[in-house]
Amino acid sequence: MVRLELDQVVMRRMKEDDIEMVKALIKEGCEGTENRLILHILTRPLCLFILAVFSSILRCFVHSFILALAIPVFLLIIFLKITMPRSTGVLGSSRPYWDYVGSSYRGTEDETLQNPYCRISGKTSVTKKPRRRITPKDKDKDLSTENVTPDREQEAGQVWVADCDGDILGCIFRESVKRAKIRRICRLVTGCWYRREGLGRLLVQSLEQRESESGAHRVYAHIPYPSKLGEAFFRKLGYRQFEEGTDVEENDEEERKLETPERGFLGYPLTKVFYKNL
């Protein structure tokens, strides 16, 4: 655990130079999430019953009892690994992949979120050039050659990163605006060395303030189903779970259909949907 001075954190839009660092941060933050989702599905009663049936059928052809049990489980795990691509970066997004290049900021001056800790301490946070590790793949790939139209940039959404002395400590993904006054957070990640320091809270609340000033009145957050820490985190920030029993207006029925939990094998939920009125 590293002591973090929140008044030194700059929350700015992700640039193309930050993409590889953000991907590495997401990979670190998602470590174990996919396995927990698979374990959650494998331990459901209906799934256990189906596995038992297949194991009984295999027992007629395979003499080994252990193989008859292991083969259906192994094949199901492979199937779930293939059919759950969103669990490694954009779980809760309405798209099967995230357009990192399209969501990169291309302005000359950094677009930033307000940091309330700077006003309290009286300090001014300064953005430094991010430290980026160059890999062989990066040398062969020039991101600037990709054509990014205004429509693609609008559709891609936004990624905000927490920058401190040139290091990216966390990031938050906000999907593109498809409904007036409604926003969706589909990914929030903080570095393992900077957790429980208030960085995640700072990212969410600063983004909420910006979206509220732009006219949004409700924010949705989609979190992985087995994430108890994620659920407790958003509840502390005033979010409530969006369930079938949630009170909504008659004209919000379409919103209820759009903000449904993502489902996987046998219809078991992969995400939980939380919302907060701004």
C-alpha atoms as a PDB file:
ATOM      1  CA  MET A   1       0.000   0.000   0.000  1.00  0.00           C
ATOM      2  CA  VAL A   2       1.342   3.436  -1.012  1.00  0.00           C
ATOM      3  CA  ARG A   3       0.257   6.639   0.672  1.00  0.00           C
ATOM      4  CA  LEU A   4      -1.476   8.786  -1.948  1.00  0.00           C
ATOM      5  CA  GLU A   5      -1.922  12.545  -1.800  1.00  0.00           C
ATOM      6  CA  LEU A   6      -5.274  13.024  -3.514  1.00  0.00           C
ATOM      7  CA  ASP A   7      -4.696  16.747  -4.037  1.00  0.00           C
ATOM      8  CA  GLN A   8      -1.859  15.847  -6.413  1.00  0.00           C
ATOM      9  CA  VAL A   9      -4.087  13.696  -8.633  1.00  0.00           C
ATOM     10  CA  VAL A  10      -5.163  15.061 -12.009  1.00  0.00           C
ATOM     11  CA  MET A  11      -8.214  13.420 -13.585  1.00  0.00           C
ATOM     12  CA  ARG A  12      -8.010  13.913 -17.333  1.00  0.00           C
ATOM     13  CA  ARG A  13      -9.223  12.327 -20.557  1.00  0.00           C
ATOM     14  CA  MET A  14      -7.214   9.378 -21.835  1.00  0.00           C
ATOM     15  CA  LYS A  15      -4.905  10.065 -24.781  1.00  0.00           C
ATOM     16  CA  GLU A  16      -3.543   7.636 -27.359  1.00  0.00           C
ATOM     17  CA  ASP A  17      -0.203   7.491 -25.532  1.00  0.00           C
ATOM     18  CA  ASP A  18      -2.047   6.223 -22.447  1.00  0.00           C
ATOM     19  CA  ILE A  19      -3.834   3.293 -24.108  1.00  0.00           C
ATOM     20  CA  GLU A  20      -1.276   0.583 -23.345  1.00  0.00           C
ATOM     21  CA  MET A  21      -0.974   1.720 -19.718  1.00  0.00           C
ATOM     22  CA  VAL A  22      -4.761   1.744 -19.326  1.00  0.00           C
ATOM     23  CA  LYS A  23      -5.047  -1.738 -20.835  1.00  0.00           C
ATOM     24  CA  ALA A  24      -2.390  -3.037 -18.445  1.00  0.00           C
ATOM     25  CA  LEU A  25      -4.243  -1.424 -15.532  1.00  0.00           C
ATOM     26  CA  ILE A  26      -7.527  -3.037 -16.598  1.00  0.00           C
ATOM     27  CA  LYS A  27      -5.875  -6.429 -17.009  1.00  0.00           C
ATOM     28  CA  GLU A  28      -4.516  -6.136 -13.481  1.00  0.00           C
ATOM     29  CA  GLY A  29      -7.850  -4.983 -12.095  1.00  0.00           C
ATOM     30  CA  CYS A  30      -9.819  -7.723 -13.860  1.00  0.00           C
ATOM     31  CA  GLU A  31      -7.510 -10.473 -12.695  1.00  0.00           C
ATOM     32  CA  GLY A  32      -9.668 -13.193 -11.190  1.00  0.00           C
ATOM     33  CA  THR A  33     -12.987 -11.586 -12.191  1.00  0.00           C
ATOM     34  CA  GLU A  34     -13.591 -13.959 -15.082  1.00  0.00           C
ATOM     35  CA  ASN A  35     -12.712 -16.996 -12.955  1.00  0.00           C
ATOM     36  CA  ARG A  36     -15.084 -15.853 -10.207  1.00  0.00           C
ATOM     37  CA  LEU A  37     -17.872 -15.433 -12.763  1.00  0.00           C
ATOM     38  CA  ILE A  38     -17.262 -18.932 -14.115  1.00  0.00           C
ATOM     39  CA  LEU A  39     -17.233 -20.378 -10.593  1.00  0.00           C
ATOM     40  CA  HIS A  40     -20.495 -18.562  -9.862  1.00  0.00           C
ATOM     41  CA  ILE A  41     -22.150 -20.166 -12.899  1.00  0.00           C
ATOM     42  CA  LEU A  42     -20.704 -23.641 -12.270  1.00  0.00           C
ATOM     43  CA  THR A  43     -22.118 -23.741  -8.739  1.00  0.00           C
ATOM     44  CA  ARG A  44     -25.713 -22.894  -9.720  1.00  0.00           C
ATOM     45  CA  PRO A  45     -28.149 -25.793  -9.070  1.00  0.00           C
ATOM     46  CA  LEU A  46     -29.344 -26.131 -12.674  1.00  0.00           C
ATOM     47  CA  CYS A  47     -25.781 -26.122 -13.990  1.00  0.00           C
ATOM     48  CA  LEU A  48     -24.754 -28.770 -11.448  1.00  0.00           C
ATOM     49  CA  PHE A  49     -27.710 -30.908 -12.500  1.00  0.00           C
ATOM     50  CA  ILE A  50     -26.761 -30.665 -16.205  1.00  0.00           C
ATOM     51  CA  LEU A  51     -23.141 -31.544 -15.421  1.00  0.00           C
ATOM     52  CA  ALA A  52     -24.324 -34.559 -13.399  1.00  0.00           C
ATOM     53  CA  VAL A  53     -26.472 -35.769 -16.294  1.00  0.00           C
ATOM     54  CA  PHE A  54     -23.606 -35.518 -18.785  1.00  0.00           C
ATOM     55  CA  SER A  55     -21.253 -37.209 -16.344  1.00  0.00           C
ATOM     56  CA  SER A  56     -23.716 -40.105 -15.971  1.00  0.00           C
ATOM     57  CA  ILE A  57     -23.933 -40.485 -19.749  1.00  0.00           C
ATOM     58  CA  LEU A  58     -20.136 -40.388 -20.108  1.00  0.00           C
ATOM     59  CA  ARG A  59     -19.820 -43.020 -17.405  1.00  0.00           C
ATOM     60  CA  CYS A  60     -21.304 -45.495 -19.883  1.00  0.00           C
ATOM     61  CA  PHE A  61     -18.407 -44.880 -22.298  1.00  0.00           C
ATOM     62  CA  VAL A  62     -15.538 -43.927 -19.959  1.00  0.00           C
ATOM     63  CA  HIS A  63     -14.344 -46.429 -17.406  1.00  0.00           C
ATOM     64  CA  SER A  64     -12.740 -43.794 -15.194  1.00  0.00           C
ATOM     65  CA  PHE A  65     -15.179 -42.130 -12.786  1.00  0.00           C
ATOM     66  CA  ILE A  66     -12.863 -39.108 -12.373  1.00  0.00           C
ATOM     67  CA  LEU A  67     -12.676 -38.533 -16.151  1.00  0.00           C
ATOM     68  CA  ALA A  68     -16.454 -38.762 -16.437  1.00  0.00           C
ATOM     69  CA  LEU A  69     -16.722 -35.954 -13.874  1.00  0.00           C
ATOM     70  CA  ALA A  70     -13.860 -33.818 -15.195  1.00  0.00           C
ATOM     71  CA  ILE A  71     -14.585 -33.838 -18.937  1.00  0.00           C
ATOM     72  CA  PRO A  72     -17.996 -32.011 -18.809  1.00  0.00           C
ATOM     73  CA  VAL A  73     -16.614 -29.425 -16.376  1.00  0.00           C
ATOM     74  CA  PHE A  74     -13.530 -28.859 -18.524  1.00  0.00           C
ATOM     75  CA  LEU A  75     -15.579 -28.427 -21.712  1.00  0.00           C
ATOM     76  CA  LEU A  76     -18.012 -26.050 -19.999  1.00  0.00           C
ATOM     77  CA  ILE A  77     -15.163 -23.898 -18.671  1.00  0.00           C
ATOM     78  CA  ILE A  78     -13.723 -23.609 -22.196  1.00  0.00           C
ATOM     79  CA  PHE A  79     -17.173 -22.684 -23.534  1.00  0.00           C
ATOM     80  CA  LEU A  80     -17.611 -19.993 -20.871  1.00  0.00           C
ATOM     81  CA  LYS A  81     -14.124 -18.597 -21.526  1.00  0.00           C
ATOM     82  CA  ILE A  82     -14.995 -18.186 -25.199  1.00  0.00           C
ATOM     83  CA  THR A  83     -18.476 -16.761 -24.727  1.00  0.00           C
ATOM     84  CA  MET A  84     -17.623 -14.219 -22.006  1.00  0.00           C
ATOM     85  CA  PRO A  85     -15.276 -11.775 -23.806  1.00  0.00           C
ATOM     86  CA  ARG A  86     -16.785  -8.754 -22.090  1.00  0.00           C
ATOM     87  CA  SER A  87     -15.627  -9.859 -18.653  1.00  0.00           C
ATOM     88  CA  THR A  88     -12.066  -8.771 -19.500  1.00  0.00           C
ATOM     89  CA  GLY A  89     -12.560  -5.064 -19.913  1.00  0.00           C
ATOM     90  CA  VAL A  90     -16.025  -3.888 -20.886  1.00  0.00           C
ATOM     91  CA  LEU A  91     -18.381  -5.952 -18.767  1.00  0.00           C
ATOM     92  CA  GLY A  92     -21.619  -3.992 -18.542  1.00  0.00           C
ATOM     93  CA  SER A  93     -21.042  -2.152 -21.811  1.00  0.00           C
ATOM     94  CA  SER A  94     -23.602  -2.384 -24.602  1.00  0.00           C
ATOM     95  CA  ARG A  95     -20.817  -3.235 -27.065  1.00  0.00           C
ATOM     96  CA  PRO A  96     -18.736  -6.430 -27.338  1.00  0.00           C
ATOM     97  CA  TYR A  97     -15.474  -4.458 -27.276  1.00  0.00           C
ATOM     98  CA  TRP A  98     -14.198  -1.034 -26.277  1.00  0.00           C
ATOM     99  CA  ASP A  99     -12.874   1.385 -28.908  1.00  0.00           C
ATOM    100  CA  TYR A 100      -9.788   2.705 -27.122  1.00  0.00           C
ATOM    101  CA  VAL A 101      -8.530   4.756 -30.068  1.00  0.00           C
ATOM    102  CA  GLY A 102     -11.924   6.310 -30.703  1.00  0.00           C
ATOM    103  CA  SER A 103     -12.337   7.275 -27.041  1.00  0.00           C
ATOM    104  CA  SER A 104      -8.900   8.930 -26.868  1.00  0.00           C
ATOM    105  CA  TYR A 105      -8.797  12.690 -26.353  1.00  0.00           C
ATOM    106  CA  ARG A 106      -7.205  14.738 -29.136  1.00  0.00           C
ATOM    107  CA  GLY A 107      -7.425  18.285 -27.826  1.00  0.00           C
ATOM    108  CA  THR A 108      -4.356  20.479 -27.420  1.00  0.00           C
ATOM    109  CA  GLU A 109      -5.098  21.161 -23.755  1.00  0.00           C
ATOM    110  CA  ASP A 110      -6.041  18.473 -21.231  1.00  0.00           C
ATOM    111  CA  GLU A 111      -9.734  18.114 -20.442  1.00  0.00           C
ATOM    112  CA  THR A 112      -9.903  17.542 -16.697  1.00  0.00           C
ATOM    113  CA  LEU A 113     -12.358  16.816 -13.904  1.00  0.00           C
ATOM    114  CA  GLN A 114     -12.529  19.022 -10.839  1.00  0.00           C
ATOM    115  CA  ASN A 115     -10.553  17.740  -7.862  1.00  0.00           C
ATOM    116  CA  PRO A 116     -12.156  18.975  -4.606  1.00  0.00           C
ATOM    117  CA  TYR A 117      -9.012  18.120  -2.626  1.00  0.00           C
ATOM    118  CA  CYS A 118      -7.069  20.789  -4.526  1.00  0.00           C
ATOM    119  CA  ARG A 119      -9.449  23.462  -3.251  1.00  0.00           C
ATOM    120  CA  ILE A 120      -9.123  22.179   0.319  1.00  0.00           C
ATOM    121  CA  SER A 121      -5.320  22.089   0.334  1.00  0.00           C
ATOM    122  CA  GLY A 122      -4.837  25.131  -1.872  1.00  0.00           C
ATOM    123  CA  LYS A 123      -2.400  23.196  -4.082  1.00  0.00           C
ATOM    124  CA  THR A 124      -2.508  23.042  -7.860  1.00  0.00           C
ATOM    125  CA  SER A 125      -1.997  19.634  -9.392  1.00  0.00           C
ATOM    126  CA  VAL A 126       0.207  19.490 -12.482  1.00  0.00           C
ATOM    127  CA  THR A 127       0.007  16.912 -15.251  1.00  0.00           C
ATOM    128  CA  LYS A 128       3.305  15.455 -16.375  1.00  0.00           C
ATOM    129  CA  LYS A 129       4.001  13.421 -19.470  1.00  0.00           C
ATOM    130  CA  PRO A 130       2.989   9.810 -18.691  1.00  0.00           C
ATOM    131  CA  ARG A 131       5.684   7.201 -18.390  1.00  0.00           C
ATOM    132  CA  ARG A 132       4.982   4.600 -21.015  1.00  0.00           C
ATOM    133  CA  ARG A 133       6.667   1.231 -21.401  1.00  0.00           C
ATOM    134  CA  ILE A 134       7.423   0.562 -25.057  1.00  0.00           C
ATOM    135  CA  THR A 135       6.912  -3.046 -26.134  1.00  0.00           C
ATOM    136  CA  PRO A 136       7.779  -4.692 -29.464  1.00  0.00           C
ATOM    137  CA  LYS A 137       4.112  -4.663 -30.409  1.00  0.00           C
ATOM    138  CA  ASP A 138       3.956  -0.908 -29.829  1.00  0.00           C
ATOM    139  CA  LYS A 139       6.898  -0.313 -32.164  1.00  0.00           C
ATOM    140  CA  ASP A 140       5.080  -2.030 -35.016  1.00  0.00           C
ATOM    141  CA  LYS A 141       1.784  -0.284 -34.361  1.00  0.00           C
ATOM    142  CA  ASP A 142       1.151   3.410 -34.999  1.00  0.00           C
ATOM    143  CA  LEU A 143      -2.150   4.332 -33.421  1.00  0.00           C
ATOM    144  CA  SER A 144      -2.159   7.784 -35.020  1.00  0.00           C
ATOM    145  CA  THR A 145      -2.646   6.227 -38.477  1.00  0.00           C
ATOM    146  CA  GLU A 146      -6.192   5.135 -37.610  1.00  0.00           C
ATOM    147  CA  ASN A 147      -8.975   7.304 -38.954  1.00  0.00           C
ATOM    148  CA  VAL A 148     -11.108   8.710 -36.149  1.00  0.00           C
ATOM    149  CA  THR A 149     -14.188  10.531 -37.369  1.00  0.00           C
ATOM    150  CA  PRO A 150     -16.353  12.737 -35.121  1.00  0.00           C
ATOM    151  CA  ASP A 151     -19.105  10.095 -35.282  1.00  0.00           C
ATOM    152  CA  ARG A 152     -16.699   7.376 -34.152  1.00  0.00           C
ATOM    153  CA  GLU A 153     -15.415   9.564 -31.345  1.00  0.00           C
ATOM    154  CA  GLN A 154     -18.961  10.305 -30.195  1.00  0.00           C
ATOM    155  CA  GLU A 155     -19.924   6.619 -30.299  1.00  0.00           C
ATOM    156  CA  ALA A 156     -16.767   5.439 -28.496  1.00  0.00           C
ATOM    157  CA  GLY A 157     -17.491   7.039 -25.129  1.00  0.00           C
ATOM    158  CA  GLN A 158     -14.938   8.468 -22.720  1.00  0.00           C
ATOM    159  CA  VAL A 159     -12.141   7.182 -20.527  1.00  0.00           C
ATOM    160  CA  TRP A 160     -10.888   9.325 -17.653  1.00  0.00           C
ATOM    161  CA  VAL A 161      -7.574   8.520 -16.003  1.00  0.00           C
ATOM    162  CA  ALA A 162      -6.155   9.493 -12.606  1.00  0.00           C
ATOM    163  CA  ASP A 163      -2.701  10.922 -13.294  1.00  0.00           C
ATOM    164  CA  CYS A 164      -0.136  11.615 -10.573  1.00  0.00           C
ATOM    165  CA  ASP A 165       3.403  12.665 -11.537  1.00  0.00           C
ATOM    166  CA  GLY A 166       3.030  11.030 -14.932  1.00  0.00           C
ATOM    167  CA  ASP A 167       1.795   7.679 -13.591  1.00  0.00           C
ATOM    168  CA  ILE A 168      -1.743   6.461 -14.316  1.00  0.00           C
ATOM    169  CA  LEU A 169      -3.150   5.176 -11.023  1.00  0.00           C
ATOM    170  CA  GLY A 170      -6.740   4.470 -12.024  1.00  0.00           C
ATOM    171  CA  CYS A 171      -9.371   4.948 -14.707  1.00  0.00           C
ATOM    172  CA  ILE A 172     -13.114   5.147 -15.167  1.00  0.00           C
ATOM    173  CA  PHE A 173     -15.078   4.355 -18.337  1.00  0.00           C
ATOM    174  CA  ARG A 174     -18.214   6.257 -19.288  1.00  0.00           C
ATOM    175  CA  GLU A 175     -20.248   4.952 -22.194  1.00  0.00           C
ATOM    176  CA  SER A 176     -21.319   7.196 -25.032  1.00  0.00           C
ATOM    177  CA  VAL A 177     -24.422   9.297 -24.435  1.00  0.00           C
ATOM    178  CA  LYS A 178     -27.327   7.505 -26.093  1.00  0.00           C
ATOM    179  CA  ARG A 179     -30.149   8.770 -23.885  1.00  0.00           C
ATOM    180  CA  ALA A 180     -30.712  12.308 -22.728  1.00  0.00           C
ATOM    181  CA  LYS A 181     -29.889  12.898 -19.047  1.00  0.00           C
ATOM    182  CA  ILE A 182     -28.761   9.279 -18.562  1.00  0.00           C
ATOM    183  CA  ARG A 183     -25.136   8.181 -18.127  1.00  0.00           C
ATOM    184  CA  ARG A 184     -23.567   4.760 -17.655  1.00  0.00           C
ATOM    185  CA  ILE A 185     -20.337   3.759 -15.897  1.00  0.00           C
ATOM    186  CA  CYS A 186     -19.167   0.385 -17.165  1.00  0.00           C
ATOM    187  CA  ARG A 187     -15.656   0.107 -15.751  1.00  0.00           C
ATOM    188  CA  LEU A 188     -13.806   1.496 -12.724  1.00  0.00           C
ATOM    189  CA  VAL A 189     -10.270   0.331 -11.964  1.00  0.00           C
ATOM    190  CA  THR A 190      -7.612   1.505  -9.507  1.00  0.00           C
ATOM    191  CA  GLY A 191      -4.047   0.233  -9.249  1.00  0.00           C
ATOM    192  CA  CYS A 192      -3.444  -2.422  -6.602  1.00  0.00           C
ATOM    193  CA  TRP A 193      -0.972  -0.169  -4.758  1.00  0.00           C
ATOM    194  CA  TYR A 194      -3.479   2.701  -4.485  1.00  0.00           C
ATOM    195  CA  ARG A 195      -6.624   0.975  -3.278  1.00  0.00           C
ATOM    196  CA  ARG A 196      -8.473   2.029  -0.119  1.00  0.00           C
ATOM    197  CA  GLU A 197      -6.945   5.488  -0.504  1.00  0.00           C
ATOM    198  CA  GLY A 198     -10.107   7.193  -1.794  1.00  0.00           C
ATOM    199  CA  LEU A 199      -9.028   7.211  -5.445  1.00  0.00           C
ATOM    200  CA  GLY A 200     -12.054   5.271  -6.735  1.00  0.00           C
ATOM    201  CA  ARG A 201     -14.427   7.507  -4.783  1.00  0.00           C
ATOM    202  CA  LEU A 202     -12.681  10.584  -6.194  1.00  0.00           C
ATOM    203  CA  LEU A 203     -13.036   9.347  -9.784  1.00  0.00           C
ATOM    204  CA  VAL A 204     -16.722   8.475  -9.442  1.00  0.00           C
ATOM    205  CA  GLN A 205     -17.782  11.605  -7.577  1.00  0.00           C
ATOM    206  CA  SER A 206     -15.824  13.927  -9.866  1.00  0.00           C
ATOM    207  CA  LEU A 207     -17.383  12.337 -12.936  1.00  0.00           C
ATOM    208  CA  GLU A 208     -20.832  12.540 -11.331  1.00  0.00           C
ATOM    209  CA  GLN A 209     -20.344  16.259 -10.740  1.00  0.00           C
ATOM    210  CA  ARG A 210     -19.333  16.852 -14.346  1.00  0.00           C
ATOM    211  CA  GLU A 211     -22.273  14.878 -15.733  1.00  0.00           C
ATOM    212  CA  SER A 212     -24.671  16.624 -13.364  1.00  0.00           C
ATOM    213  CA  GLU A 213     -23.449  20.013 -14.605  1.00  0.00           C
ATOM    214  CA  SER A 214     -23.999  18.835 -18.190  1.00  0.00           C
ATOM    215  CA  GLY A 215     -27.653  18.034 -17.453  1.00  0.00           C
ATOM    216  CA  ALA A 216     -27.620  14.347 -16.459  1.00  0.00           C
ATOM    217  CA  HIS A 217     -30.047  13.332 -13.704  1.00  0.00           C
ATOM    218  CA  ARG A 218     -29.224   9.627 -13.330  1.00  0.00           C
ATOM    219  CA  VAL A 219     -26.067   7.491 -13.491  1.00  0.00           C
ATOM    220  CA  TYR A 220     -25.992   3.707 -13.873  1.00  0.00           C
ATOM    221  CA  ALA A 221     -23.093   1.515 -12.839  1.00  0.00           C
ATOM    222  CA  HIS A 222     -22.686  -2.081 -14.026  1.00  0.00           C
ATOM    223  CA  ILE A 223     -20.451  -4.222 -11.822  1.00  0.00           C
ATOM    224  CA  PRO A 224     -19.474  -7.926 -12.032  1.00  0.00           C
ATOM    225  CA  TYR A 225     -21.984 -10.143 -10.241  1.00  0.00           C
ATOM    226  CA  PRO A 226     -19.615 -11.806  -7.730  1.00  0.00           C
ATOM    227  CA  SER A 227     -17.900  -8.518  -6.786  1.00  0.00           C
ATOM    228  CA  LYS A 228     -18.951  -7.935  -3.169  1.00  0.00           C
ATOM    229  CA  LEU A 229     -16.395  -5.134  -2.795  1.00  0.00           C
ATOM    230  CA  GLY A 230     -17.756  -3.362  -5.863  1.00  0.00           C
ATOM    231  CA  GLU A 231     -21.302  -3.639  -4.572  1.00  0.00           C
ATOM    232  CA  ALA A 232     -20.356  -2.275  -1.134  1.00  0.00           C
ATOM    233  CA  PHE A 233     -18.329   0.528  -2.754  1.00  0.00           C
ATOM    234  CA  PHE A 234     -21.201   1.851  -4.861  1.00  0.00           C
ATOM    235  CA  ARG A 235     -23.700   1.496  -2.015  1.00  0.00           C
ATOM    236  CA  LYS A 236     -21.483   3.726   0.127  1.00  0.00           C
ATOM    237  CA  LEU A 237     -21.598   6.334  -2.652  1.00  0.00           C
ATOM    238  CA  GLY A 238     -25.408   6.390  -2.557  1.00  0.00           C
ATOM    239  CA  TYR A 239     -26.176   3.925  -5.352  1.00  0.00           C
ATOM    240  CA  ARG A 240     -29.096   1.510  -5.162  1.00  0.00           C
ATOM    241  CA  GLN A 241     -29.514  -1.763  -6.996  1.00  0.00           C
ATOM    242  CA  PHE A 242     -31.768  -1.514 -10.026  1.00  0.00           C
ATOM    243  CA  GLU A 243     -34.125  -4.465  -9.675  1.00  0.00           C
ATOM    244  CA  GLU A 244     -37.487  -5.480 -10.983  1.00  0.00           C
ATOM    245  CA  GLY A 245     -39.148  -3.988  -7.927  1.00  0.00           C
ATOM    246  CA  THR A 246     -37.569  -0.561  -8.409  1.00  0.00           C
ATOM    247  CA  ASP A 247     -40.086   2.244  -8.669  1.00  0.00           C
ATOM    248  CA  VAL A 248     -39.922   3.886 -12.091  1.00  0.00           C
ATOM    249  CA  GLU A 249     -42.218   6.147 -13.990  1.00  0.00           C
ATOM    250  CA  GLU A 250     -44.345   4.837 -16.815  1.00  0.00           C
ATOM    251  CA  ASN A 251     -42.141   6.508 -19.444  1.00  0.00           C
ATOM    252  CA  ASP A 252     -39.073   4.796 -17.923  1.00  0.00           C
ATOM    253  CA  GLU A 253     -40.111   1.301 -19.008  1.00  0.00           C
ATOM    254  CA  GLU A 254     -37.744   1.511 -21.962  1.00  0.00           C
ATOM    255  CA  GLU A 255     -34.977   2.513 -19.570  1.00  0.00           C
ATOM    256  CA  ARG A 256     -35.709  -0.560 -17.455  1.00  0.00           C
ATOM    257  CA  LYS A 257     -35.307  -2.774 -20.532  1.00  0.00           C
ATOM    258  CA  LEU A 258     -32.003  -1.148 -21.511  1.00  0.00           C
ATOM    259  CA  GLU A 259     -30.496  -1.353 -18.029  1.00  0.00           C
ATOM    260  CA  THR A 260     -30.899  -5.075 -17.467  1.00  0.00           C
ATOM    261  CA  PRO A 261     -28.095  -7.239 -16.050  1.00  0.00           C
ATOM    262  CA  GLU A 262     -25.937  -8.921 -18.648  1.00  0.00           C
ATOM    263  CA  ARG A 263     -26.592 -12.655 -18.682  1.00  0.00           C
ATOM    264  CA  GLY A 264     -24.465 -15.634 -19.594  1.00  0.00           C
ATOM    265  CA  PHE A 265     -24.836 -19.420 -19.733  1.00  0.00           C
ATOM    266  CA  LEU A 266     -28.374 -20.611 -18.872  1.00  0.00           C
ATOM    267  CA  GLY A 267     -29.393 -17.008 -18.333  1.00  0.00           C
ATOM    268  CA  TYR A 268     -27.480 -16.534 -15.089  1.00  0.00           C
ATOM    269  CA  PRO A 269     -26.601 -12.860 -14.458  1.00  0.00           C
ATOM    270  CA  LEU A 270     -23.032 -11.693 -14.972  1.00  0.00           C
ATOM    271  CA  THR A 271     -23.555  -8.149 -13.736  1.00  0.00           C
ATOM    272  CA  LYS A 272     -25.512  -6.188 -11.167  1.00  0.00           C
ATOM    273  CA  VAL A 273     -26.982  -2.833 -12.111  1.00  0.00           C
ATOM    274  CA  PHE A 274     -26.850   0.086  -9.683  1.00  0.00           C
ATOM    275  CA  TYR A 275     -28.182   3.601 -10.165  1.00  0.00           C
ATOM    276  CA  LYS A 276     -28.006   6.981  -8.494  1.00  0.00           C
ATOM    277  CA  ASN A 277     -30.137  10.065  -9.014  1.00  0.00           C
ATOM    278  CA  LEU A 278     -27.982  13.173  -9.260  1.00  0.00           C
END
